[in-house]
Structures are given as structure tokens and as C-alpha cells.
Amino acid sequence: EVQLAESGGGLVQPGGSLTLSCAASGFSVESRSMRWVRQAPGKELEWLSTIMSSGTVTGYLDSVKGRFTISRDNAKNTLYLHMEGLKTEDTAMYYCQVVGGQRGQGTQVTVSS
């Protein structure tokens, strides 16, 4: 059974950093393309970045480019999203997802002073 479990969210001040983790089970993260998405209250789901099974990163949402970095650790079977220079508008529920497939339960990120 494919399962994704996000962690690492929390409350952080503007300008701060967080690293989100997505522990996968039931499949190998290096065998699938995976992505991070987020959803702020009252807004639609927003794509952030995708890492292909080859390891190639396809890009980033313009508003997070230069601040967010997607990566994975094949040995730990875990996907990551490192976030720096956080802004209040980054406040949202963050999800990892197998492209075209299952999404995790999410982890809340709140950026506030």
C-alpha cells in the first residue's frame, strides 16, 4: 500500500526556514516522479515543484524560486522541501504527492510574527 507521511511543519517567523519531509512506504521514491503542492485557506491547490524519477527537478513556482529546494534521499525513501526566506503568504497546508497518484495528509506551515 502506497503511503506518504509529511512532517516538519510548524510556526515560523517571517524570514525563517523549515525543512519538510515526506516519508514514503509501499514504493520507492526514486521510481516515481513526485511533487510538493500547497493549499492556503480559501485558495486552490498550488504546485510548488516536481522531482522526476531520474532526479531532475522540473522547476519551481515563480513565487518560491530561489527560496525553496526539493530533494530526495533514496536510502531513506524520503522526499524533502527545504524552505528559506519564508513569507506570510507561504502559510498553507503542504502536501507531497506522487505525480498522478496519491497525496499525503499534509503538514501545516504558518509564517507569522
Protein backbone atom coordinates (compact mmCIF):
# COMPACT_ATOMS: atom_id res chain seq x y z
CA GLU A 1 0.00 0.00 0.00
CA VAL A 2 1.34 3.41 -1.00
CA GLN A 3 1.60 5.76 1.95
CA LEU A 4 3.04 9.26 2.28
CA ALA A 5 3.61 10.95 5.63
CA GLU A 6 4.60 14.61 5.74
CA SER A 7 6.27 16.19 8.75
CA GLY A 8 8.32 19.23 9.68
CA GLY A 9 5.70 21.94 9.51
CA GLY A 10 5.11 24.47 12.24
CA LEU A 11 5.04 28.11 13.19
CA VAL A 12 7.94 30.21 11.95
CA GLN A 13 8.67 33.91 11.83
CA PRO A 14 8.96 35.74 8.51
CA GLY A 15 12.42 35.21 7.09
CA GLY A 16 12.77 31.88 8.84
CA SER A 17 13.43 28.42 7.46
CA LEU A 18 11.83 25.00 7.61
CA THR A 19 12.51 21.66 6.02
CA LEU A 20 9.53 19.45 5.29
CA SER A 21 9.91 15.69 5.00
CA CYS A 22 7.72 13.17 3.23
CA ALA A 23 8.37 9.59 4.26
CA ALA A 24 7.18 7.14 1.64
CA SER A 25 6.25 3.50 2.03
CA GLY A 26 4.90 0.89 -0.34
CA PHE A 27 7.07 2.12 -3.19
CA SER A 28 10.46 3.63 -3.89
CA VAL A 29 10.63 7.44 -4.22
CA GLU A 30 13.28 7.08 -6.91
CA SER A 31 10.91 5.04 -9.06
CA ARG A 32 8.28 7.77 -9.37
CA SER A 33 8.07 11.45 -10.13
CA MET A 34 6.98 13.30 -7.04
CA ARG A 35 5.96 16.84 -6.23
CA TRP A 36 5.13 19.25 -3.45
CA VAL A 37 1.92 21.21 -3.53
CA ARG A 38 0.26 23.54 -1.04
CA GLN A 39 -3.15 24.92 -0.27
CA ALA A 40 -3.83 28.11 1.62
CA PRO A 41 -7.22 28.71 3.24
CA GLY A 42 -9.79 29.66 0.64
CA LYS A 43 -7.38 29.11 -2.24
CA GLU A 44 -6.82 26.41 -4.80
CA LEU A 45 -4.13 23.77 -4.63
CA GLU A 46 -0.84 25.22 -5.86
CA TRP A 47 2.05 23.30 -7.42
CA LEU A 48 5.45 24.09 -5.96
CA SER A 49 7.99 21.77 -7.56
CA THR A 50 8.46 18.33 -9.10
CA ILE A 51 11.40 15.96 -8.99
CA MET A 52 11.40 13.33 -11.71
CA SER A 53 12.28 9.69 -11.13
CA SER A 54 15.58 10.50 -12.85
CA GLY A 55 16.31 13.06 -10.14
CA THR A 56 15.80 16.02 -12.44
CA VAL A 57 13.94 18.92 -10.89
CA THR A 58 11.49 20.35 -13.39
CA GLY A 59 11.27 23.78 -11.83
CA TYR A 60 9.59 25.83 -9.15
CA LEU A 61 6.59 28.07 -8.77
CA ASP A 62 7.84 31.57 -9.54
CA SER A 63 6.96 32.91 -6.10
CA VAL A 64 9.15 30.32 -4.35
CA LYS A 65 12.01 30.14 -6.84
CA GLY A 66 15.33 30.75 -5.11
CA ARG A 67 13.80 30.14 -1.69
CA PHE A 68 12.54 26.54 -1.86
CA THR A 69 14.52 23.43 -2.79
CA ILE A 70 13.10 19.99 -3.49
CA SER A 71 15.26 16.94 -2.94
CA ARG A 72 15.08 13.29 -2.01
CA ASP A 73 17.10 10.71 -0.11
CA ASN A 74 16.72 7.37 -1.85
CA ALA A 75 18.27 5.45 1.05
CA LYS A 76 15.71 6.93 3.46
CA ASN A 77 12.94 6.75 0.86
CA THR A 78 12.06 10.33 1.74
CA LEU A 79 11.23 13.47 -0.20
CA TYR A 80 12.17 16.89 1.19
CA LEU A 81 11.26 20.53 0.71
CA HIS A 82 13.72 22.99 2.19
CA MET A 83 12.23 26.45 2.57
CA GLU A 84 14.11 29.64 3.33
CA GLY A 85 13.13 33.28 3.49
CA LEU A 86 9.61 32.33 4.44
CA LYS A 87 6.89 34.92 3.95
CA THR A 88 3.43 35.25 5.46
CA GLU A 89 1.98 34.33 2.08
CA ASP A 90 3.69 30.94 2.34
CA THR A 91 1.24 29.98 5.09
CA ALA A 92 -0.58 26.89 3.88
CA MET A 93 -1.01 23.16 4.24
CA TYR A 94 1.84 21.48 2.40
CA TYR A 95 1.46 18.10 0.74
CA CYS A 96 3.75 15.68 -1.05
CA GLN A 97 2.25 13.73 -3.89
CA VAL A 98 3.14 11.04 -6.36
CA VAL A 99 2.60 12.69 -9.73
CA GLY A 100 -0.74 11.40 -10.97
CA GLY A 101 -1.26 9.50 -7.77
CA GLN A 102 -1.65 9.57 -4.04
CA ARG A 103 -1.19 12.63 -1.83
CA GLY A 104 -0.26 12.64 1.84
CA GLN A 105 -2.26 14.11 4.70
CA GLY A 106 -0.21 17.28 4.75
CA THR A 107 1.73 19.34 7.25
CA GLN A 108 0.75 22.88 8.25
CA VAL A 109 3.19 25.74 7.78
CA THR A 110 2.31 29.04 9.41
CA VAL A 111 4.51 32.07 8.85
CA SER A 112 3.72 34.80 11.33
CA SER A 113 5.41 37.22 13.68
